[in-house]
Amino acid sequence: RFDLSETLDFGLAGTVRQNPGGRAYAWSGGPTLGLSPMNN
């Protein structure tokens, strides 16, 4: 994630799943936009 301001960020998310034995993989990923409207 890259902060654009104190409450807004832009980023990339990615996930990889490995099946038992390590012979098959699945992927997901893409852009994200994050907002923190208040603490926590």
ModelCIF file with pLDDT and N, C-alpha, C, O atoms, coordinates in Angstrom:
data_MODEL
#
_entry.id   MODEL 
#
_entity.id                         1 
_entity.type                       polymer 
_entity.pdbx_number_of_molecules   1 
#
_entity_poly.entity_id                      1 
_entity_poly.type                           'polypeptide(L)' 
_entity_poly.nstd_linkage                   no 
_entity_poly.nstd_monomer                   no 
_entity_poly.pdbx_seq_one_letter_code       RFDLSETLDFGLAGTVRQNPGGRAYAWSGGPTLGLSPMNN 
_entity_poly.pdbx_seq_one_letter_code_can   RFDLSETLDFGLAGTVRQNPGGRAYAWSGGPTLGLSPMNN 
_entity_poly.pdbx_strand_id                 A 
#
loop_
_entity_poly_seq.entity_id 
_entity_poly_seq.num 
_entity_poly_seq.mon_id 
_entity_poly_seq.hetero 
1 1  ARG n 
1 2  PHE n 
1 3  ASP n 
1 4  LEU n 
1 5  SER n 
1 6  GLU n 
1 7  THR n 
1 8  LEU n 
1 9  ASP n 
1 10 PHE n 
1 11 GLY n 
1 12 LEU n 
1 13 ALA n 
1 14 GLY n 
1 15 THR n 
1 16 VAL n 
1 17 ARG n 
1 18 GLN n 
1 19 ASN n 
1 20 PRO n 
1 21 GLY n 
1 22 GLY n 
1 23 ARG n 
1 24 ALA n 
1 25 TYR n 
1 26 ALA n 
1 27 TRP n 
1 28 SER n 
1 29 GLY n 
1 30 GLY n 
1 31 PRO n 
1 32 THR n 
1 33 LEU n 
1 34 GLY n 
1 35 LEU n 
1 36 SER n 
1 37 PRO n 
1 38 MET n 
1 39 ASN n 
1 40 ASN n 
#
_struct_asym.id          A 
_struct_asym.entity_id   1 
#
loop_
_ma_qa_metric.id 
_ma_qa_metric.mode 
_ma_qa_metric.name 
_ma_qa_metric.software_group_id 
_ma_qa_metric.type 
1 global pLDDT . pLDDT 
2 local  pLDDT . pLDDT 
#
_ma_qa_metric_global.metric_id      1 
_ma_qa_metric_global.metric_value   91.08 
_ma_qa_metric_global.model_id       1 
_ma_qa_metric_global.ordinal_id     1 
#
loop_
_ma_qa_metric_local.label_asym_id 
_ma_qa_metric_local.label_comp_id 
_ma_qa_metric_local.label_seq_id 
_ma_qa_metric_local.metric_id 
_ma_qa_metric_local.metric_value 
_ma_qa_metric_local.model_id 
_ma_qa_metric_local.ordinal_id 
A ARG 1  2 95.00 1 1  
A PHE 2  2 96.00 1 2  
A ASP 3  2 95.00 1 3  
A LEU 4  2 96.00 1 4  
A SER 5  2 94.00 1 5  
A GLU 6  2 92.00 1 6  
A THR 7  2 94.00 1 7  
A LEU 8  2 97.00 1 8  
A ASP 9  2 97.00 1 9  
A PHE 10 2 97.00 1 10 
A GLY 11 2 96.00 1 11 
A LEU 12 2 96.00 1 12 
A ALA 13 2 93.00 1 13 
A GLY 14 2 93.00 1 14 
A THR 15 2 90.00 1 15 
A VAL 16 2 91.00 1 16 
A ARG 17 2 88.00 1 17 
A GLN 18 2 88.00 1 18 
A ASN 19 2 83.00 1 19 
A PRO 20 2 79.00 1 20 
A GLY 21 2 78.00 1 21 
A GLY 22 2 72.00 1 22 
A ARG 23 2 82.00 1 23 
A ALA 24 2 87.00 1 24 
A TYR 25 2 89.00 1 25 
A ALA 26 2 89.00 1 26 
A TRP 27 2 90.00 1 27 
A SER 28 2 92.00 1 28 
A GLY 29 2 93.00 1 29 
A GLY 30 2 94.00 1 30 
A PRO 31 2 96.00 1 31 
A THR 32 2 95.00 1 32 
A LEU 33 2 97.00 1 33 
A GLY 34 2 96.00 1 34 
A LEU 35 2 96.00 1 35 
A SER 36 2 95.00 1 36 
A PRO 37 2 92.00 1 37 
A MET 38 2 88.00 1 38 
A ASN 39 2 86.00 1 39 
A ASN 40 2 86.00 1 40 
#
loop_
_atom_site.group_PDB 
_atom_site.id 
_atom_site.type_symbol 
_atom_site.label_atom_id 
_atom_site.label_alt_id 
_atom_site.label_comp_id 
_atom_site.label_asym_id 
_atom_site.label_entity_id 
_atom_site.label_seq_id 
_atom_site.pdbx_PDB_ins_code 
_atom_site.Cartn_x 
_atom_site.Cartn_y 
_atom_site.Cartn_z 
_atom_site.occupancy 
_atom_site.B_iso_or_equiv 
_atom_site.pdbx_formal_charge 
_atom_site.auth_seq_id 
_atom_site.auth_comp_id 
_atom_site.auth_asym_id 
_atom_site.auth_atom_id 
_atom_site.pdbx_PDB_model_num 
ATOM 1   N N  . ARG A 1 1  ? 0.831   -1.201  0.000  1.00 95.00 ? 1  ARG A N  1 
ATOM 2   C CA . ARG A 1 1  ? 0.000   0.000   0.000  1.00 95.00 ? 1  ARG A CA 1 
ATOM 3   C C  . ARG A 1 1  ? 0.865   1.251   0.000  1.00 95.00 ? 1  ARG A C  1 
ATOM 4   O O  . ARG A 1 1  ? 1.933   1.297   0.611  1.00 95.00 ? 1  ARG A O  1 
ATOM 5   N N  . PHE A 1 2  ? 0.368   2.271   -0.709 1.00 96.00 ? 2  PHE A N  1 
ATOM 6   C CA . PHE A 1 2  ? 1.026   3.568   -0.767 1.00 96.00 ? 2  PHE A CA 1 
ATOM 7   C C  . PHE A 1 2  ? 0.039   4.611   -0.264 1.00 96.00 ? 2  PHE A C  1 
ATOM 8   O O  . PHE A 1 2  ? -1.058  4.749   -0.806 1.00 96.00 ? 2  PHE A O  1 
ATOM 9   N N  . ASP A 1 3  ? 0.427   5.341   0.768  1.00 95.00 ? 3  ASP A N  1 
ATOM 10  C CA . ASP A 1 3  ? -0.450  6.364   1.337  1.00 95.00 ? 3  ASP A CA 1 
ATOM 11  C C  . ASP A 1 3  ? -0.589  7.536   0.375  1.00 95.00 ? 3  ASP A C  1 
ATOM 12  O O  . ASP A 1 3  ? 0.405   8.091   -0.095 1.00 95.00 ? 3  ASP A O  1 
ATOM 13  N N  . LEU A 1 4  ? -1.832  7.903   0.089  1.00 96.00 ? 4  LEU A N  1 
ATOM 14  C CA . LEU A 1 4  ? -2.122  9.093   -0.698 1.00 96.00 ? 4  LEU A CA 1 
ATOM 15  C C  . LEU A 1 4  ? -2.416  10.279  0.212  1.00 96.00 ? 4  LEU A C  1 
ATOM 16  O O  . LEU A 1 4  ? -2.187  11.429  -0.162 1.00 96.00 ? 4  LEU A O  1 
ATOM 17  N N  . SER A 1 5  ? -2.927  9.992   1.413  1.00 94.00 ? 5  SER A N  1 
ATOM 18  C CA . SER A 1 5  ? -3.165  10.989  2.456  1.00 94.00 ? 5  SER A CA 1 
ATOM 19  C C  . SER A 1 5  ? -3.202  10.234  3.783  1.00 94.00 ? 5  SER A C  1 
ATOM 20  O O  . SER A 1 5  ? -2.898  9.042   3.822  1.00 94.00 ? 5  SER A O  1 
ATOM 21  N N  . GLU A 1 6  ? -3.567  10.907  4.862  1.00 92.00 ? 6  GLU A N  1 
ATOM 22  C CA . GLU A 1 6  ? -3.641  10.240  6.168  1.00 92.00 ? 6  GLU A CA 1 
ATOM 23  C C  . GLU A 1 6  ? -4.741  9.194   6.221  1.00 92.00 ? 6  GLU A C  1 
ATOM 24  O O  . GLU A 1 6  ? -4.651  8.246   7.002  1.00 92.00 ? 6  GLU A O  1 
ATOM 25  N N  . THR A 1 7  ? -5.769  9.345   5.414  1.00 94.00 ? 7  THR A N  1 
ATOM 26  C CA . THR A 1 7  ? -6.909  8.430   5.478  1.00 94.00 ? 7  THR A CA 1 
ATOM 27  C C  . THR A 1 7  ? -7.122  7.611   4.213  1.00 94.00 ? 7  THR A C  1 
ATOM 28  O O  . THR A 1 7  ? -8.013  6.762   4.195  1.00 94.00 ? 7  THR A O  1 
ATOM 29  N N  . LEU A 1 8  ? -6.349  7.826   3.159  1.00 97.00 ? 8  LEU A N  1 
ATOM 30  C CA . LEU A 1 8  ? -6.566  7.160   1.878  1.00 97.00 ? 8  LEU A CA 1 
ATOM 31  C C  . LEU A 1 8  ? -5.281  6.519   1.386  1.00 97.00 ? 8  LEU A C  1 
ATOM 32  O O  . LEU A 1 8  ? -4.208  7.113   1.488  1.00 97.00 ? 8  LEU A O  1 
ATOM 33  N N  . ASP A 1 9  ? -5.388  5.294   0.848  1.00 97.00 ? 9  ASP A N  1 
ATOM 34  C CA . ASP A 1 9  ? -4.217  4.637   0.276  1.00 97.00 ? 9  ASP A CA 1 
ATOM 35  C C  . ASP A 1 9  ? -4.598  3.873   -0.979 1.00 97.00 ? 9  ASP A C  1 
ATOM 36  O O  . ASP A 1 9  ? -5.768  3.560   -1.200 1.00 97.00 ? 9  ASP A O  1 
ATOM 37  N N  . PHE A 1 10 ? -3.606  3.579   -1.790 1.00 97.00 ? 10 PHE A N  1 
ATOM 38  C CA . PHE A 1 10 ? -3.758  2.776   -2.997 1.00 97.00 ? 10 PHE A CA 1 
ATOM 39  C C  . PHE A 1 10 ? -2.796  1.613   -2.885 1.00 97.00 ? 10 PHE A C  1 
ATOM 40  O O  . PHE A 1 10 ? -1.685  1.774   -2.380 1.00 97.00 ? 10 PHE A O  1 
ATOM 41  N N  . GLY A 1 11 ? -3.208  0.439   -3.349 1.00 96.00 ? 11 GLY A N  1 
ATOM 42  C CA . GLY A 1 11 ? -2.310  -0.693  -3.221 1.00 96.00 ? 11 GLY A CA 1 
ATOM 43  C C  . GLY A 1 11 ? -2.597  -1.814  -4.189 1.00 96.00 ? 11 GLY A C  1 
ATOM 44  O O  . GLY A 1 11 ? -3.488  -1.731  -5.035 1.00 96.00 ? 11 GLY A O  1 
ATOM 45  N N  . LEU A 1 12 ? -1.813  -2.864  -4.039 1.00 96.00 ? 12 LEU A N  1 
ATOM 46  C CA . LEU A 1 12 ? -1.971  -4.101  -4.789 1.00 96.00 ? 12 LEU A CA 1 
ATOM 47  C C  . LEU A 1 12 ? -2.039  -5.239  -3.791 1.00 96.00 ? 12 LEU A C  1 
ATOM 48  O O  . LEU A 1 12 ? -1.283  -5.278  -2.821 1.00 96.00 ? 12 LEU A O  1 
ATOM 49  N N  . ALA A 1 13 ? -2.953  -6.165  -4.039 1.00 93.00 ? 13 ALA A N  1 
ATOM 50  C CA . ALA A 1 13 ? -3.093  -7.335  -3.171 1.00 93.00 ? 13 ALA A CA 1 
ATOM 51  C C  . ALA A 1 13 ? -2.877  -8.581  -4.008 1.00 93.00 ? 13 ALA A C  1 
ATOM 52  O O  . ALA A 1 13 ? -3.302  -8.638  -5.162 1.00 93.00 ? 13 ALA A O  1 
ATOM 53  N N  . GLY A 1 14 ? -2.227  -9.568  -3.441 1.00 93.00 ? 14 GLY A N  1 
ATOM 54  C CA . GLY A 1 14 ? -1.993  -10.819 -4.155 1.00 93.00 ? 14 GLY A CA 1 
ATOM 55  C C  . GLY A 1 14 ? -2.040  -12.000 -3.209 1.00 93.00 ? 14 GLY A C  1 
ATOM 56  O O  . GLY A 1 14 ? -1.639  -11.901 -2.049 1.00 93.00 ? 14 GLY A O  1 
ATOM 57  N N  . THR A 1 15 ? -2.532  -13.116 -3.714 1.00 90.00 ? 15 THR A N  1 
ATOM 58  C CA . THR A 1 15 ? -2.625  -14.344 -2.934 1.00 90.00 ? 15 THR A CA 1 
ATOM 59  C C  . THR A 1 15 ? -2.277  -15.517 -3.831 1.00 90.00 ? 15 THR A C  1 
ATOM 60  O O  . THR A 1 15 ? -2.651  -15.543 -5.003 1.00 90.00 ? 15 THR A O  1 
ATOM 61  N N  . VAL A 1 16 ? -1.565  -16.484 -3.282 1.00 91.00 ? 16 VAL A N  1 
ATOM 62  C CA . VAL A 1 16 ? -1.286  -17.721 -4.002 1.00 91.00 ? 16 VAL A CA 1 
ATOM 63  C C  . VAL A 1 16 ? -1.655  -18.893 -3.099 1.00 91.00 ? 16 VAL A C  1 
ATOM 64  O O  . VAL A 1 16 ? -1.356  -18.897 -1.906 1.00 91.00 ? 16 VAL A O  1 
ATOM 65  N N  . ARG A 1 17 ? -2.312  -19.884 -3.694 1.00 88.00 ? 17 ARG A N  1 
ATOM 66  C CA . ARG A 1 17 ? -2.676  -21.104 -2.969 1.00 88.00 ? 17 ARG A CA 1 
ATOM 67  C C  . ARG A 1 17 ? -1.898  -22.256 -3.572 1.00 88.00 ? 17 ARG A C  1 
ATOM 68  O O  . ARG A 1 17 ? -1.877  -22.445 -4.788 1.00 88.00 ? 17 ARG A O  1 
ATOM 69  N N  . GLN A 1 18 ? -1.253  -23.027 -2.697 1.00 88.00 ? 18 GLN A N  1 
ATOM 70  C CA . GLN A 1 18 ? -0.486  -24.195 -3.116 1.00 88.00 ? 18 GLN A CA 1 
ATOM 71  C C  . GLN A 1 18 ? -1.204  -25.433 -2.602 1.00 88.00 ? 18 GLN A C  1 
ATOM 72  O O  . GLN A 1 18 ? -1.465  -25.551 -1.404 1.00 88.00 ? 18 GLN A O  1 
ATOM 73  N N  . ASN A 1 19 ? -1.521  -26.342 -3.489 1.00 83.00 ? 19 ASN A N  1 
ATOM 74  C CA . ASN A 1 19 ? -2.146  -27.587 -3.071 1.00 83.00 ? 19 ASN A CA 1 
ATOM 75  C C  . ASN A 1 19 ? -1.113  -28.505 -2.441 1.00 83.00 ? 19 ASN A C  1 
ATOM 76  O O  . ASN A 1 19 ? 0.080   -28.368 -2.711 1.00 83.00 ? 19 ASN A O  1 
ATOM 77  N N  . PRO A 1 20 ? -1.553  -29.445 -1.601 1.00 79.00 ? 20 PRO A N  1 
ATOM 78  C CA . PRO A 1 20 ? -0.609  -30.384 -0.988 1.00 79.00 ? 20 PRO A CA 1 
ATOM 79  C C  . PRO A 1 20 ? 0.247   -31.073 -2.051 1.00 79.00 ? 20 PRO A C  1 
ATOM 80  O O  . PRO A 1 20 ? -0.256  -31.496 -3.092 1.00 79.00 ? 20 PRO A O  1 
ATOM 81  N N  . GLY A 1 21 ? 1.514   -31.177 -1.778 1.00 78.00 ? 21 GLY A N  1 
ATOM 82  C CA . GLY A 1 21 ? 2.445   -31.759 -2.725 1.00 78.00 ? 21 GLY A CA 1 
ATOM 83  C C  . GLY A 1 21 ? 3.104   -30.720 -3.613 1.00 78.00 ? 21 GLY A C  1 
ATOM 84  O O  . GLY A 1 21 ? 4.088   -31.021 -4.290 1.00 78.00 ? 21 GLY A O  1 
ATOM 85  N N  . GLY A 1 22 ? 2.577   -29.497 -3.621 1.00 72.00 ? 22 GLY A N  1 
ATOM 86  C CA . GLY A 1 22 ? 3.195   -28.413 -4.357 1.00 72.00 ? 22 GLY A CA 1 
ATOM 87  C C  . GLY A 1 22 ? 3.102   -28.514 -5.865 1.00 72.00 ? 22 GLY A C  1 
ATOM 88  O O  . GLY A 1 22 ? 3.895   -27.883 -6.564 1.00 72.00 ? 22 GLY A O  1 
ATOM 89  N N  . ARG A 1 23 ? 2.163   -29.282 -6.394 1.00 82.00 ? 23 ARG A N  1 
ATOM 90  C CA . ARG A 1 23 ? 2.081   -29.470 -7.843 1.00 82.00 ? 23 ARG A CA 1 
ATOM 91  C C  . ARG A 1 23 ? 1.027   -28.603 -8.518 1.00 82.00 ? 23 ARG A C  1 
ATOM 92  O O  . ARG A 1 23 ? 1.004   -28.514 -9.746 1.00 82.00 ? 23 ARG A O  1 
ATOM 93  N N  . ALA A 1 24 ? 0.153   -27.963 -7.746 1.00 87.00 ? 24 ALA A N  1 
ATOM 94  C CA . ALA A 1 24 ? -0.895  -27.121 -8.335 1.00 87.00 ? 24 ALA A CA 1 
ATOM 95  C C  . ALA A 1 24 ? -0.967  -25.802 -7.566 1.00 87.00 ? 24 ALA A C  1 
ATOM 96  O O  . ALA A 1 24 ? -0.902  -25.778 -6.337 1.00 87.00 ? 24 ALA A O  1 
ATOM 97  N N  . TYR A 1 25 ? -1.101  -24.720 -8.308 1.00 89.00 ? 25 TYR A N  1 
ATOM 98  C CA . TYR A 1 25 ? -1.164  -23.395 -7.720 1.00 89.00 ? 25 TYR A CA 1 
ATOM 99  C C  . TYR A 1 25 ? -2.381  -22.646 -8.268 1.00 89.00 ? 25 TYR A C  1 
ATOM 100 O O  . TYR A 1 25 ? -2.804  -22.880 -9.400 1.00 89.00 ? 25 TYR A O  1 
ATOM 101 N N  . ALA A 1 26 ? -2.932  -21.754 -7.466 1.00 89.00 ? 26 ALA A N  1 
ATOM 102 C CA . ALA A 1 26 ? -3.995  -20.857 -7.897 1.00 89.00 ? 26 ALA A CA 1 
ATOM 103 C C  . ALA A 1 26 ? -3.613  -19.451 -7.437 1.00 89.00 ? 26 ALA A C  1 
ATOM 104 O O  . ALA A 1 26 ? -3.021  -19.285 -6.370 1.00 89.00 ? 26 ALA A O  1 
ATOM 105 N N  . TRP A 1 27 ? -3.949  -18.443 -8.236 1.00 90.00 ? 27 TRP A N  1 
ATOM 106 C CA . TRP A 1 27 ? -3.536  -17.066 -7.981 1.00 90.00 ? 27 TRP A CA 1 
ATOM 107 C C  . TRP A 1 27 ? -4.735  -16.142 -7.917 1.00 90.00 ? 27 TRP A C  1 
ATOM 108 O O  . TRP A 1 27 ? -5.758  -16.393 -8.554 1.00 90.00 ? 27 TRP A O  1 
ATOM 109 N N  . SER A 1 28 ? -4.608  -15.081 -7.155 1.00 92.00 ? 28 SER A N  1 
ATOM 110 C CA . SER A 1 28 ? -5.567  -13.977 -7.208 1.00 92.00 ? 28 SER A CA 1 
ATOM 111 C C  . SER A 1 28 ? -4.797  -12.691 -6.966 1.00 92.00 ? 28 SER A C  1 
ATOM 112 O O  . SER A 1 28 ? -3.770  -12.688 -6.286 1.00 92.00 ? 28 SER A O  1 
ATOM 113 N N  . GLY A 1 29 ? -5.294  -11.612 -7.521 1.00 93.00 ? 29 GLY A N  1 
ATOM 114 C CA . GLY A 1 29 ? -4.619  -10.346 -7.295 1.00 93.00 ? 29 GLY A CA 1 
ATOM 115 C C  . GLY A 1 29 ? -5.214  -9.218  -8.093 1.00 93.00 ? 29 GLY A C  1 
ATOM 116 O O  . GLY A 1 29 ? -5.859  -9.420  -9.122 1.00 93.00 ? 29 GLY A O  1 
ATOM 117 N N  . GLY A 1 30 ? -4.980  -8.017  -7.590 1.00 94.00 ? 30 GLY A N  1 
ATOM 118 C CA . GLY A 1 30 ? -5.453  -6.827  -8.270 1.00 94.00 ? 30 GLY A CA 1 
ATOM 119 C C  . GLY A 1 30 ? -5.282  -5.593  -7.413 1.00 94.00 ? 30 GLY A C  1 
ATOM 120 O O  . GLY A 1 30 ? -4.727  -5.662  -6.316 1.00 94.00 ? 30 GLY A O  1 
ATOM 121 N N  . PRO A 1 31 ? -5.760  -4.453  -7.914 1.00 96.00 ? 31 PRO A N  1 
ATOM 122 C CA . PRO A 1 31 ? -5.609  -3.182  -7.210 1.00 96.00 ? 31 PRO A CA 1 
ATOM 123 C C  . PRO A 1 31 ? -6.633  -3.016  -6.088 1.00 96.00 ? 31 PRO A C  1 
ATOM 124 O O  . PRO A 1 31 ? -7.720  -3.593  -6.133 1.00 96.00 ? 31 PRO A O  1 
ATOM 125 N N  . THR A 1 32 ? -6.270  -2.217  -5.078 1.00 95.00 ? 32 THR A N  1 
ATOM 126 C CA . THR A 1 32 ? -7.172  -1.899  -3.975 1.00 95.00 ? 32 THR A CA 1 
ATOM 127 C C  . THR A 1 32 ? -7.085  -0.405  -3.659 1.00 95.00 ? 32 THR A C  1 
ATOM 128 O O  . THR A 1 32 ? -6.071  0.248   -3.906 1.00 95.00 ? 32 THR A O  1 
ATOM 129 N N  . LEU A 1 33 ? -8.169  0.104   -3.113 1.00 97.00 ? 33 LEU A N  1 
ATOM 130 C CA . LEU A 1 33 ? -8.228  1.475   -2.623 1.00 97.00 ? 33 LEU A CA 1 
ATOM 131 C C  . LEU A 1 33 ? -8.717  1.391   -1.191 1.00 97.00 ? 33 LEU A C  1 
ATOM 132 O O  . LEU A 1 33 ? -9.780  0.827   -0.932 1.00 97.00 ? 33 LEU A O  1 
ATOM 133 N N  . GLY A 1 34 ? -7.950  1.949   -0.249 1.00 96.00 ? 34 GLY A N  1 
ATOM 134 C CA . GLY A 1 34 ? -8.290  1.845   1.167  1.00 96.00 ? 34 GLY A CA 1 
ATOM 135 C C  . GLY A 1 34 ? -8.640  3.183   1.771  1.00 96.00 ? 34 GLY A C  1 
ATOM 136 O O  . GLY A 1 34 ? -8.075  4.215   1.410  1.00 96.00 ? 34 GLY A O  1 
ATOM 137 N N  . LEU A 1 35 ? -9.586  3.151   2.701  1.00 96.00 ? 35 LEU A N  1 
ATOM 138 C CA . LEU A 1 35 ? -10.046 4.352   3.384  1.00 96.00 ? 35 LEU A CA 1 
ATOM 139 C C  . LEU A 1 35 ? -10.141 4.060   4.870  1.00 96.00 ? 35 LEU A C  1 
ATOM 140 O O  . LEU A 1 35 ? -10.684 3.032   5.274  1.00 96.00 ? 35 LEU A O  1 
ATOM 141 N N  . SER A 1 36 ? -9.611  4.968   5.684  1.00 95.00 ? 36 SER A N  1 
ATOM 142 C CA . SER A 1 36 ? -9.718  4.863   7.129  1.00 95.00 ? 36 SER A CA 1 
ATOM 143 C C  . SER A 1 36 ? -10.496 6.080   7.631  1.00 95.00 ? 36 SER A C  1 
ATOM 144 O O  . SER A 1 36 ? -9.898  7.106   7.957  1.00 95.00 ? 36 SER A O  1 
ATOM 145 N N  . PRO A 1 37 ? -11.837 5.972   7.695  1.00 92.00 ? 37 PRO A N  1 
ATOM 146 C CA . PRO A 1 37 ? -12.651 7.138   8.038  1.00 92.00 ? 37 PRO A CA 1 
ATOM 147 C C  . PRO A 1 37 ? -12.524 7.594   9.486  1.00 92.00 ? 37 PRO A C  1 
ATOM 148 O O  . PRO A 1 37 ? -12.781 8.760   9.787  1.00 92.00 ? 37 PRO A O  1 
ATOM 149 N N  . MET A 1 38 ? -12.131 6.694   10.392 1.00 88.00 ? 38 MET A N  1 
ATOM 150 C CA . MET A 1 38 ? -11.903 7.051   11.799 1.00 88.00 ? 38 MET A CA 1 
ATOM 151 C C  . MET A 1 38 ? -10.922 6.059   12.394 1.00 88.00 ? 38 MET A C  1 
ATOM 152 O O  . MET A 1 38 ? -10.595 5.051   11.769 1.00 88.00 ? 38 MET A O  1 
ATOM 153 N N  . ASN A 1 39 ? -10.453 6.342   13.601 1.00 86.00 ? 39 ASN A N  1 
ATOM 154 C CA . ASN A 1 39 ? -9.480  5.465   14.255 1.00 86.00 ? 39 ASN A CA 1 
ATOM 155 C C  . ASN A 1 39 ? -9.993  4.032   14.324 1.00 86.00 ? 39 ASN A C  1 
ATOM 156 O O  . ASN A 1 39 ? -11.176 3.793   14.569 1.00 86.00 ? 39 ASN A O  1 
ATOM 157 N N  . ASN A 1 40 ? -9.094  3.095   14.107 1.00 86.00 ? 40 ASN A N  1 
ATOM 158 C CA . ASN A 1 40 ? -9.345  1.660   14.245 1.00 86.00 ? 40 ASN A CA 1 
ATOM 159 C C  . ASN A 1 40 ? -10.366 1.103   13.263 1.00 86.00 ? 40 ASN A C  1 
ATOM 160 O O  . ASN A 1 40 ? -10.656 -0.093  13.287 1.00 86.00 ? 40 ASN A O  1 
#
